[in-house]
Amino acid sequence: MIGSKMKFAIFSPIRTLSCKHAGPMGFMFLYIVINILWLHAQTSISISDVWVNQAPPIVKVTAGFFNVHNSSDKPVSIVKITSPEFKNVEMHKSTINESMARMKLQDSIEVPANSYIMFKPGRYHLMLFQPLKKYKLGDIVKLSIHLLRWYGTNNVQARIRHMGKMTPHN
């Protein structure tokens, strides 16, 4: 589309690059800049300790947990989690208010710059609905953690394990 009146916002609403007269070198520059920023974003997010609770065979929902570390100088938002092995995956946050435990659906979860968030029992967690097969201890399930904008998607593997006994400190 060389010569068209396209505009690309490059990570800032203030700066806009017009491609009307950019030519091949302008497109190459844009391509290089976007790829450098994308690669930086990919290496600044790390996901660890990913696991899914083993639910009893008759239960059609289970929970998932992981840690996410953001080593960039900008906050990053997790906007969605998907899995080809469950019909639906939701992000939730558990809270206790006046001795009443509550669970609230989260549209997105922001991981602050140079920080981390733990998805763990009693706090942030995943709810995985309607598994497409029965899983046993040690099985692996695939999860995709979708991040806002250019940060992309992190594909991870979660091991099925038993949550164990819950305590008030979890």
N, C-alpha and C. Protein backbone atom coordinates (compact mmCIF):
# COMPACT_ATOMS: atom_id res chain seq x y z
N MET A 1 0.82 -1.18 0.00
CA MET A 1 0.00 0.00 0.00
C MET A 1 0.86 1.25 0.00
N ILE A 2 1.93 1.23 -0.74
CA ILE A 2 2.78 2.41 -0.84
C ILE A 2 2.01 3.50 -1.56
N GLY A 3 2.07 4.70 -1.01
CA GLY A 3 1.38 5.82 -1.62
C GLY A 3 0.00 6.06 -1.03
N SER A 4 -0.51 5.13 -0.24
CA SER A 4 -1.81 5.36 0.37
C SER A 4 -1.65 6.27 1.58
N LYS A 5 -2.72 6.79 2.09
CA LYS A 5 -2.70 7.74 3.21
C LYS A 5 -2.88 6.99 4.53
N MET A 6 -2.10 5.90 4.77
CA MET A 6 -2.19 5.15 6.01
C MET A 6 -1.34 5.81 7.08
N LYS A 7 -1.77 5.70 8.31
CA LYS A 7 -1.00 6.19 9.44
C LYS A 7 -0.90 5.09 10.48
N PHE A 8 0.27 4.96 11.07
CA PHE A 8 0.50 3.98 12.12
C PHE A 8 0.86 4.72 13.39
N ALA A 9 0.15 4.48 14.46
CA ALA A 9 0.54 5.04 15.75
C ALA A 9 1.62 4.13 16.31
N ILE A 10 2.78 4.69 16.62
CA ILE A 10 3.88 3.89 17.12
C ILE A 10 4.00 4.07 18.62
N PHE A 11 3.24 3.28 19.38
CA PHE A 11 3.32 3.18 20.82
C PHE A 11 3.13 4.51 21.54
N SER A 12 2.58 5.51 20.86
CA SER A 12 2.32 6.79 21.50
C SER A 12 1.27 7.51 20.70
N PRO A 13 0.23 8.04 21.35
CA PRO A 13 -0.78 8.78 20.60
C PRO A 13 -0.25 10.11 20.09
N ILE A 14 0.91 10.57 20.59
CA ILE A 14 1.45 11.86 20.19
C ILE A 14 2.20 11.75 18.87
N ARG A 15 2.99 10.67 18.70
CA ARG A 15 3.78 10.50 17.49
C ARG A 15 3.06 9.60 16.51
N THR A 16 2.93 10.05 15.31
CA THR A 16 2.29 9.27 14.26
C THR A 16 3.20 9.27 13.05
N LEU A 17 3.41 8.13 12.46
CA LEU A 17 4.24 8.02 11.28
C LEU A 17 3.34 7.94 10.05
N SER A 18 3.51 8.86 9.14
CA SER A 18 2.74 8.84 7.91
C SER A 18 3.49 8.02 6.88
N CYS A 19 2.83 7.09 6.26
CA CYS A 19 3.47 6.20 5.29
C CYS A 19 3.23 6.66 3.86
N LYS A 20 2.68 7.85 3.65
CA LYS A 20 2.38 8.32 2.30
C LYS A 20 3.63 8.43 1.45
N HIS A 21 4.70 8.95 2.04
CA HIS A 21 5.94 9.13 1.30
C HIS A 21 7.08 8.31 1.89
N ALA A 22 6.75 7.31 2.65
CA ALA A 22 7.78 6.55 3.35
C ALA A 22 8.62 5.71 2.40
N GLY A 23 8.02 5.13 1.42
CA GLY A 23 8.75 4.28 0.50
C GLY A 23 9.25 3.02 1.17
N PRO A 24 10.00 2.20 0.41
CA PRO A 24 10.47 0.93 0.96
C PRO A 24 11.37 1.08 2.18
N MET A 25 12.23 2.10 2.22
CA MET A 25 13.12 2.28 3.37
C MET A 25 12.32 2.66 4.62
N GLY A 26 11.28 3.47 4.46
CA GLY A 26 10.44 3.84 5.59
C GLY A 26 9.73 2.63 6.16
N PHE A 27 9.23 1.76 5.29
CA PHE A 27 8.57 0.55 5.76
C PHE A 27 9.57 -0.38 6.44
N MET A 28 10.78 -0.47 5.90
CA MET A 28 11.81 -1.31 6.51
C MET A 28 12.15 -0.78 7.91
N PHE A 29 12.30 0.53 8.05
CA PHE A 29 12.58 1.13 9.36
C PHE A 29 11.46 0.82 10.34
N LEU A 30 10.21 1.00 9.90
CA LEU A 30 9.05 0.72 10.75
C LEU A 30 9.05 -0.75 11.17
N TYR A 31 9.33 -1.64 10.24
CA TYR A 31 9.37 -3.07 10.51
C TYR A 31 10.43 -3.39 11.56
N ILE A 32 11.62 -2.81 11.43
CA ILE A 32 12.71 -3.06 12.37
C ILE A 32 12.35 -2.55 13.76
N VAL A 33 11.82 -1.32 13.84
CA VAL A 33 11.46 -0.74 15.14
C VAL A 33 10.40 -1.59 15.83
N ILE A 34 9.38 -1.98 15.11
CA ILE A 34 8.31 -2.78 15.71
C ILE A 34 8.86 -4.12 16.20
N ASN A 35 9.73 -4.75 15.43
CA ASN A 35 10.29 -6.04 15.84
C ASN A 35 11.21 -5.92 17.05
N ILE A 36 11.98 -4.85 17.13
CA ILE A 36 12.84 -4.65 18.30
C ILE A 36 11.98 -4.48 19.54
N LEU A 37 10.94 -3.65 19.44
CA LEU A 37 10.05 -3.44 20.59
C LEU A 37 9.32 -4.73 20.95
N TRP A 38 8.90 -5.49 19.96
CA TRP A 38 8.20 -6.75 20.22
C TRP A 38 9.12 -7.74 20.92
N LEU A 39 10.38 -7.85 20.45
CA LEU A 39 11.32 -8.77 21.08
C LEU A 39 11.62 -8.35 22.51
N HIS A 40 11.75 -7.05 22.75
CA HIS A 40 11.97 -6.57 24.12
C HIS A 40 10.77 -6.94 25.00
N ALA A 41 9.58 -6.75 24.48
CA ALA A 41 8.38 -7.07 25.25
C ALA A 41 8.33 -8.56 25.57
N GLN A 42 8.68 -9.40 24.61
CA GLN A 42 8.63 -10.84 24.82
C GLN A 42 9.61 -11.29 25.90
N THR A 43 10.76 -10.64 25.99
CA THR A 43 11.75 -11.07 26.97
C THR A 43 11.53 -10.42 28.33
N SER A 44 10.65 -9.44 28.43
CA SER A 44 10.45 -8.76 29.70
C SER A 44 9.36 -9.42 30.56
N ILE A 45 8.67 -10.38 30.01
CA ILE A 45 7.61 -11.09 30.73
C ILE A 45 8.03 -12.54 30.88
N SER A 46 8.01 -13.03 32.13
CA SER A 46 8.30 -14.45 32.31
C SER A 46 7.20 -15.08 33.17
N ILE A 47 6.84 -16.28 32.80
CA ILE A 47 5.79 -17.04 33.47
C ILE A 47 6.45 -18.27 34.10
N SER A 48 6.14 -18.55 35.37
CA SER A 48 6.74 -19.71 36.04
C SER A 48 5.73 -20.39 36.95
N ASP A 49 6.12 -21.57 37.41
CA ASP A 49 5.34 -22.38 38.37
C ASP A 49 3.87 -22.49 37.94
N VAL A 50 3.66 -22.94 36.72
CA VAL A 50 2.31 -23.05 36.16
C VAL A 50 1.75 -24.43 36.50
N TRP A 51 0.57 -24.44 37.14
CA TRP A 51 -0.05 -25.72 37.47
C TRP A 51 -1.56 -25.58 37.54
N VAL A 52 -2.23 -26.71 37.37
CA VAL A 52 -3.69 -26.79 37.43
C VAL A 52 -4.05 -27.84 38.46
N ASN A 53 -5.02 -27.50 39.29
CA ASN A 53 -5.47 -28.42 40.33
C ASN A 53 -6.19 -29.62 39.71
N GLN A 54 -5.93 -30.80 40.27
CA GLN A 54 -6.65 -31.99 39.83
C GLN A 54 -8.03 -31.97 40.49
N ALA A 55 -9.04 -31.89 39.66
CA ALA A 55 -10.42 -31.90 40.16
C ALA A 55 -10.95 -33.33 40.18
N PRO A 56 -11.89 -33.62 41.06
CA PRO A 56 -12.53 -34.95 41.03
C PRO A 56 -13.18 -35.16 39.65
N PRO A 57 -13.27 -36.40 39.19
CA PRO A 57 -13.76 -36.69 37.84
C PRO A 57 -15.15 -36.12 37.51
N ILE A 58 -16.01 -36.00 38.50
CA ILE A 58 -17.37 -35.51 38.20
C ILE A 58 -17.46 -33.98 38.20
N VAL A 59 -16.42 -33.30 38.67
CA VAL A 59 -16.43 -31.83 38.74
C VAL A 59 -16.01 -31.26 37.39
N LYS A 60 -16.76 -30.27 36.91
CA LYS A 60 -16.53 -29.69 35.59
C LYS A 60 -15.81 -28.35 35.63
N VAL A 61 -15.18 -28.03 36.76
CA VAL A 61 -14.42 -26.79 36.88
C VAL A 61 -13.23 -27.05 37.81
N THR A 62 -12.11 -26.42 37.50
CA THR A 62 -10.94 -26.52 38.36
C THR A 62 -10.22 -25.18 38.37
N ALA A 63 -9.15 -25.10 39.13
CA ALA A 63 -8.41 -23.84 39.26
C ALA A 63 -6.99 -24.00 38.72
N GLY A 64 -6.44 -22.88 38.25
CA GLY A 64 -5.08 -22.86 37.74
C GLY A 64 -4.29 -21.73 38.38
N PHE A 65 -2.97 -21.93 38.44
CA PHE A 65 -2.11 -20.98 39.15
C PHE A 65 -0.79 -20.82 38.41
N PHE A 66 -0.15 -19.67 38.59
CA PHE A 66 1.18 -19.42 38.03
C PHE A 66 1.72 -18.12 38.60
N ASN A 67 2.97 -17.84 38.32
CA ASN A 67 3.59 -16.57 38.68
C ASN A 67 3.95 -15.84 37.39
N VAL A 68 3.76 -14.54 37.38
CA VAL A 68 4.15 -13.74 36.21
C VAL A 68 5.05 -12.62 36.70
N HIS A 69 6.22 -12.49 36.06
CA HIS A 69 7.19 -11.46 36.41
C HIS A 69 7.36 -10.50 35.24
N ASN A 70 7.22 -9.22 35.52
CA ASN A 70 7.37 -8.17 34.51
C ASN A 70 8.68 -7.43 34.80
N SER A 71 9.70 -7.66 33.99
CA SER A 71 10.98 -7.00 34.21
C SER A 71 11.13 -5.74 33.37
N SER A 72 10.05 -5.30 32.73
CA SER A 72 10.12 -4.06 31.95
C SER A 72 9.84 -2.85 32.84
N ASP A 73 10.05 -1.68 32.29
CA ASP A 73 9.79 -0.46 33.05
C ASP A 73 8.38 0.09 32.82
N LYS A 74 7.52 -0.73 32.22
CA LYS A 74 6.12 -0.36 31.98
C LYS A 74 5.21 -1.46 32.51
N PRO A 75 4.04 -1.09 33.03
CA PRO A 75 3.08 -2.13 33.45
C PRO A 75 2.59 -2.93 32.25
N VAL A 76 2.25 -4.17 32.49
CA VAL A 76 1.74 -5.06 31.44
C VAL A 76 0.43 -5.66 31.94
N SER A 77 -0.56 -5.71 31.08
CA SER A 77 -1.86 -6.27 31.47
C SER A 77 -2.10 -7.62 30.82
N ILE A 78 -2.52 -8.57 31.65
CA ILE A 78 -3.00 -9.85 31.16
C ILE A 78 -4.47 -9.64 30.85
N VAL A 79 -4.86 -9.85 29.59
CA VAL A 79 -6.23 -9.54 29.19
C VAL A 79 -7.09 -10.77 28.97
N LYS A 80 -6.45 -11.94 28.84
CA LYS A 80 -7.24 -13.15 28.59
C LYS A 80 -6.33 -14.36 28.75
N ILE A 81 -6.93 -15.46 29.16
CA ILE A 81 -6.25 -16.76 29.20
C ILE A 81 -7.12 -17.73 28.42
N THR A 82 -6.50 -18.51 27.55
CA THR A 82 -7.25 -19.51 26.78
C THR A 82 -6.54 -20.86 26.90
N SER A 83 -7.28 -21.89 26.57
CA SER A 83 -6.73 -23.24 26.54
C SER A 83 -7.52 -24.07 25.55
N PRO A 84 -6.84 -24.82 24.70
CA PRO A 84 -7.57 -25.72 23.79
C PRO A 84 -8.15 -26.92 24.53
N GLU A 85 -7.83 -27.06 25.81
CA GLU A 85 -8.23 -28.24 26.57
C GLU A 85 -9.39 -28.00 27.53
N PHE A 86 -9.88 -26.75 27.55
CA PHE A 86 -11.04 -26.39 28.38
C PHE A 86 -11.97 -25.53 27.54
N LYS A 87 -13.26 -25.64 27.81
CA LYS A 87 -14.23 -24.87 27.04
C LYS A 87 -14.09 -23.37 27.30
N ASN A 88 -13.75 -23.00 28.55
CA ASN A 88 -13.63 -21.59 28.89
C ASN A 88 -12.64 -21.44 30.04
N VAL A 89 -11.90 -20.31 30.05
CA VAL A 89 -10.98 -19.99 31.13
C VAL A 89 -11.24 -18.55 31.55
N GLU A 90 -11.36 -18.35 32.86
CA GLU A 90 -11.59 -17.01 33.39
C GLU A 90 -10.53 -16.69 34.44
N MET A 91 -10.24 -15.39 34.59
CA MET A 91 -9.35 -14.92 35.65
C MET A 91 -10.22 -14.40 36.79
N HIS A 92 -9.88 -14.78 38.02
CA HIS A 92 -10.64 -14.37 39.20
C HIS A 92 -9.70 -13.86 40.28
N LYS A 93 -10.27 -13.09 41.18
CA LYS A 93 -9.55 -12.63 42.37
C LYS A 93 -10.40 -12.96 43.59
N SER A 94 -9.79 -13.66 44.55
CA SER A 94 -10.48 -13.98 45.80
C SER A 94 -10.15 -12.92 46.83
N THR A 95 -11.16 -12.53 47.59
CA THR A 95 -10.96 -11.58 48.69
C THR A 95 -11.78 -12.07 49.88
N ILE A 96 -11.38 -11.61 51.05
CA ILE A 96 -12.16 -11.88 52.26
C ILE A 96 -12.56 -10.53 52.83
N ASN A 97 -13.87 -10.33 52.98
CA ASN A 97 -14.41 -9.09 53.50
C ASN A 97 -15.41 -9.43 54.60
N GLU A 98 -15.15 -8.97 55.79
CA GLU A 98 -16.02 -9.26 56.94
C GLU A 98 -16.26 -10.76 57.09
N SER A 99 -15.20 -11.52 57.07
CA SER A 99 -15.22 -12.99 57.22
C SER A 99 -15.95 -13.72 56.10
N MET A 100 -16.25 -13.02 55.02
CA MET A 100 -16.94 -13.64 53.88
C MET A 100 -15.97 -13.69 52.68
N ALA A 101 -15.72 -14.91 52.20
CA ALA A 101 -14.86 -15.07 51.03
C ALA A 101 -15.67 -14.79 49.77
N ARG A 102 -15.07 -14.03 48.89
CA ARG A 102 -15.71 -13.69 47.62
C ARG A 102 -14.73 -13.92 46.48
N MET A 103 -15.29 -14.20 45.32
CA MET A 103 -14.49 -14.41 44.12
C MET A 103 -15.06 -13.50 43.04
N LYS A 104 -14.19 -12.66 42.44
CA LYS A 104 -14.66 -11.71 41.45
C LYS A 104 -13.94 -11.93 40.12
N LEU A 105 -14.73 -12.02 39.05
CA LEU A 105 -14.20 -12.14 37.70
C LEU A 105 -13.39 -10.90 37.35
N GLN A 106 -12.22 -11.10 36.74
CA GLN A 106 -11.34 -9.99 36.35
C GLN A 106 -11.28 -9.91 34.83
N ASP A 107 -11.56 -8.73 34.28
CA ASP A 107 -11.44 -8.54 32.82
C ASP A 107 -9.98 -8.51 32.41
N SER A 108 -9.14 -7.93 33.24
CA SER A 108 -7.70 -7.90 33.00
C SER A 108 -7.01 -7.77 34.35
N ILE A 109 -5.73 -8.11 34.36
CA ILE A 109 -4.93 -8.00 35.57
C ILE A 109 -3.63 -7.32 35.19
N GLU A 110 -3.35 -6.20 35.83
CA GLU A 110 -2.13 -5.45 35.52
C GLU A 110 -0.98 -5.92 36.40
N VAL A 111 0.14 -6.21 35.74
CA VAL A 111 1.37 -6.56 36.44
C VAL A 111 2.23 -5.30 36.43
N PRO A 112 2.48 -4.70 37.59
CA PRO A 112 3.25 -3.45 37.63
C PRO A 112 4.65 -3.61 37.05
N ALA A 113 5.23 -2.49 36.64
CA ALA A 113 6.59 -2.48 36.10
C ALA A 113 7.56 -3.03 37.14
N ASN A 114 8.54 -3.81 36.68
CA ASN A 114 9.58 -4.38 37.55
C ASN A 114 9.00 -5.04 38.80
N SER A 115 7.96 -5.83 38.58
CA SER A 115 7.28 -6.48 39.70
C SER A 115 6.74 -7.84 39.24
N TYR A 116 6.01 -8.48 40.12
CA TYR A 116 5.40 -9.77 39.78
C TYR A 116 4.07 -9.92 40.50
N ILE A 117 3.28 -10.83 39.98
CA ILE A 117 2.01 -11.20 40.61
C ILE A 117 1.97 -12.72 40.68
N MET A 118 1.51 -13.21 41.82
CA MET A 118 1.36 -14.65 42.00
C MET A 118 -0.11 -15.02 41.90
N PHE A 119 -0.43 -15.91 40.98
CA PHE A 119 -1.75 -16.51 40.91
C PHE A 119 -1.66 -17.72 41.83
N LYS A 120 -2.31 -17.64 42.99
CA LYS A 120 -2.18 -18.69 43.98
C LYS A 120 -3.50 -18.86 44.71
N PRO A 121 -3.69 -19.99 45.38
CA PRO A 121 -4.94 -20.20 46.11
C PRO A 121 -5.19 -19.05 47.09
N GLY A 122 -6.43 -18.55 47.09
CA GLY A 122 -6.81 -17.48 47.98
C GLY A 122 -6.54 -16.09 47.45
N ARG A 123 -6.05 -15.97 46.23
CA ARG A 123 -5.73 -14.66 45.64
C ARG A 123 -6.16 -14.70 44.17
N TYR A 124 -5.33 -14.21 43.28
CA TYR A 124 -5.63 -14.35 41.85
C TYR A 124 -5.54 -15.82 41.48
N HIS A 125 -6.41 -16.25 40.58
CA HIS A 125 -6.38 -17.63 40.10
C HIS A 125 -7.17 -17.73 38.80
N LEU A 126 -7.01 -18.85 38.14
CA LEU A 126 -7.78 -19.15 36.93
C LEU A 126 -8.90 -20.10 37.30
N MET A 127 -10.04 -19.94 36.65
CA MET A 127 -11.11 -20.92 36.72
C MET A 127 -11.18 -21.54 35.32
N LEU A 128 -10.97 -22.84 35.25
CA LEU A 128 -10.98 -23.57 33.98
C LEU A 128 -12.24 -24.42 33.94
N PHE A 129 -13.09 -24.15 32.97
CA PHE A 129 -14.41 -24.77 32.90
C PHE A 129 -14.48 -25.85 31.83
N GLN A 130 -15.17 -26.91 32.13
CA GLN A 130 -15.51 -28.00 31.23
C GLN A 130 -14.29 -28.56 30.48
N PRO A 131 -13.48 -29.34 31.20
CA PRO A 131 -12.33 -29.97 30.54
C PRO A 131 -12.81 -30.89 29.41
N LEU A 132 -12.03 -30.93 28.35
CA LEU A 132 -12.41 -31.74 27.20
C LEU A 132 -12.05 -33.21 27.36
N LYS A 133 -11.30 -33.53 28.43
CA LYS A 133 -11.00 -34.92 28.77
C LYS A 133 -10.72 -34.99 30.27
N LYS A 134 -10.58 -36.21 30.78
CA LYS A 134 -10.25 -36.39 32.19
C LYS A 134 -8.73 -36.34 32.34
N TYR A 135 -8.28 -35.61 33.34
CA TYR A 135 -6.85 -35.48 33.58
C TYR A 135 -6.47 -36.17 34.87
N LYS A 136 -5.27 -36.74 34.87
CA LYS A 136 -4.76 -37.38 36.08
C LYS A 136 -3.49 -36.64 36.52
N LEU A 137 -3.07 -36.90 37.75
CA LEU A 137 -1.86 -36.26 38.27
C LEU A 137 -0.69 -36.41 37.31
N GLY A 138 0.01 -35.33 37.07
CA GLY A 138 1.18 -35.36 36.20
C GLY A 138 0.90 -35.01 34.75
N ASP A 139 -0.37 -35.07 34.32
CA ASP A 139 -0.70 -34.69 32.94
C ASP A 139 -0.33 -33.23 32.70
N ILE A 140 -0.17 -32.90 31.44
CA ILE A 140 0.17 -31.53 31.03
C ILE A 140 -0.99 -30.95 30.24
N VAL A 141 -1.35 -29.69 30.55
CA VAL A 141 -2.35 -28.97 29.76
C VAL A 141 -1.71 -27.69 29.23
N LYS A 142 -2.19 -27.24 28.08
CA LYS A 142 -1.67 -26.04 27.44
C LYS A 142 -2.52 -24.83 27.80
N LEU A 143 -1.84 -23.73 28.12
CA LEU A 143 -2.51 -22.47 28.39
C LEU A 143 -1.85 -21.38 27.55
N SER A 144 -2.64 -20.42 27.10
CA SER A 144 -2.11 -19.25 26.40
C SER A 144 -2.48 -18.02 27.21
N ILE A 145 -1.45 -17.27 27.60
CA ILE A 145 -1.64 -16.06 28.41
C ILE A 145 -1.50 -14.87 27.47
N HIS A 146 -2.63 -14.20 27.22
CA HIS A 146 -2.69 -13.10 26.26
C HIS A 146 -2.45 -11.78 26.99
N LEU A 147 -1.47 -11.03 26.49
CA LEU A 147 -1.12 -9.75 27.09
C LEU A 147 -1.59 -8.61 26.20
N LEU A 148 -1.77 -7.46 26.80
CA LEU A 148 -2.27 -6.29 26.09
C LEU A 148 -1.30 -5.85 25.00
N ARG A 149 -1.83 -5.48 23.87
CA ARG A 149 -1.14 -4.88 22.73
C ARG A 149 0.03 -5.70 22.22
N TRP A 150 1.16 -5.07 22.05
CA TRP A 150 2.31 -5.66 21.39
C TRP A 150 3.03 -6.70 22.22
N TYR A 151 2.61 -6.91 23.46
CA TYR A 151 3.30 -7.89 24.29
C TYR A 151 2.98 -9.32 23.86
N GLY A 152 1.92 -9.50 23.11
CA GLY A 152 1.66 -10.81 22.52
C GLY A 152 1.07 -11.84 23.46
N THR A 153 1.39 -13.09 23.19
CA THR A 153 0.84 -14.23 23.91
C THR A 153 1.98 -15.12 24.38
N ASN A 154 1.88 -15.58 25.61
CA ASN A 154 2.83 -16.54 26.15
C ASN A 154 2.13 -17.89 26.22
N ASN A 155 2.64 -18.86 25.48
CA ASN A 155 2.10 -20.21 25.52
C ASN A 155 2.90 -21.01 26.55
N VAL A 156 2.18 -21.59 27.50
CA VAL A 156 2.84 -22.32 28.59
C VAL A 156 2.19 -23.68 28.77
N GLN A 157 2.88 -24.53 29.50
CA GLN A 157 2.35 -25.84 29.85
C GLN A 157 2.16 -25.90 31.36
N ALA A 158 1.03 -26.42 31.77
CA ALA A 158 0.72 -26.54 33.20
C ALA A 158 0.62 -28.02 33.56
N ARG A 159 1.25 -28.38 34.64
CA ARG A 159 1.17 -29.76 35.13
C ARG A 159 -0.04 -29.89 36.05
N ILE A 160 -0.75 -30.99 35.92
CA ILE A 160 -1.87 -31.29 36.82
C ILE A 160 -1.28 -31.80 38.14
N ARG A 161 -1.66 -31.13 39.23
CA ARG A 161 -1.20 -31.57 40.54
C ARG A 161 -2.31 -31.33 41.56
N HIS A 162 -2.15 -31.90 42.71
CA HIS A 162 -3.15 -31.79 43.77
C HIS A 162 -2.85 -30.55 44.60
N MET A 163 -3.89 -29.76 44.86
CA MET A 163 -3.73 -28.52 45.61
C MET A 163 -3.30 -28.78 47.05
N GLY A 164 -3.72 -29.88 47.61
CA GLY A 164 -3.40 -30.13 49.00
C GLY A 164 -4.38 -29.42 49.93
N LYS A 165 -4.07 -29.47 51.19
CA LYS A 165 -4.96 -28.88 52.18
C LYS A 165 -4.81 -27.36 52.20
N MET A 166 -5.93 -26.66 52.11
CA MET A 166 -5.94 -25.21 52.15
C MET A 166 -5.83 -24.76 53.61
N THR A 167 -5.05 -23.73 53.84
CA THR A 167 -4.94 -23.12 55.17
C THR A 167 -5.28 -21.65 55.05
N PRO A 168 -5.57 -20.97 56.16
CA PRO A 168 -5.88 -19.54 56.09
C PRO A 168 -4.74 -18.71 55.52
N HIS A 169 -3.51 -19.23 55.53
CA HIS A 169 -2.37 -18.47 55.03
C HIS A 169 -2.15 -18.63 53.55
N ASN A 170 -2.89 -19.52 52.89
CA ASN A 170 -2.77 -19.68 51.44
C ASN A 170 -3.32 -18.46 50.81
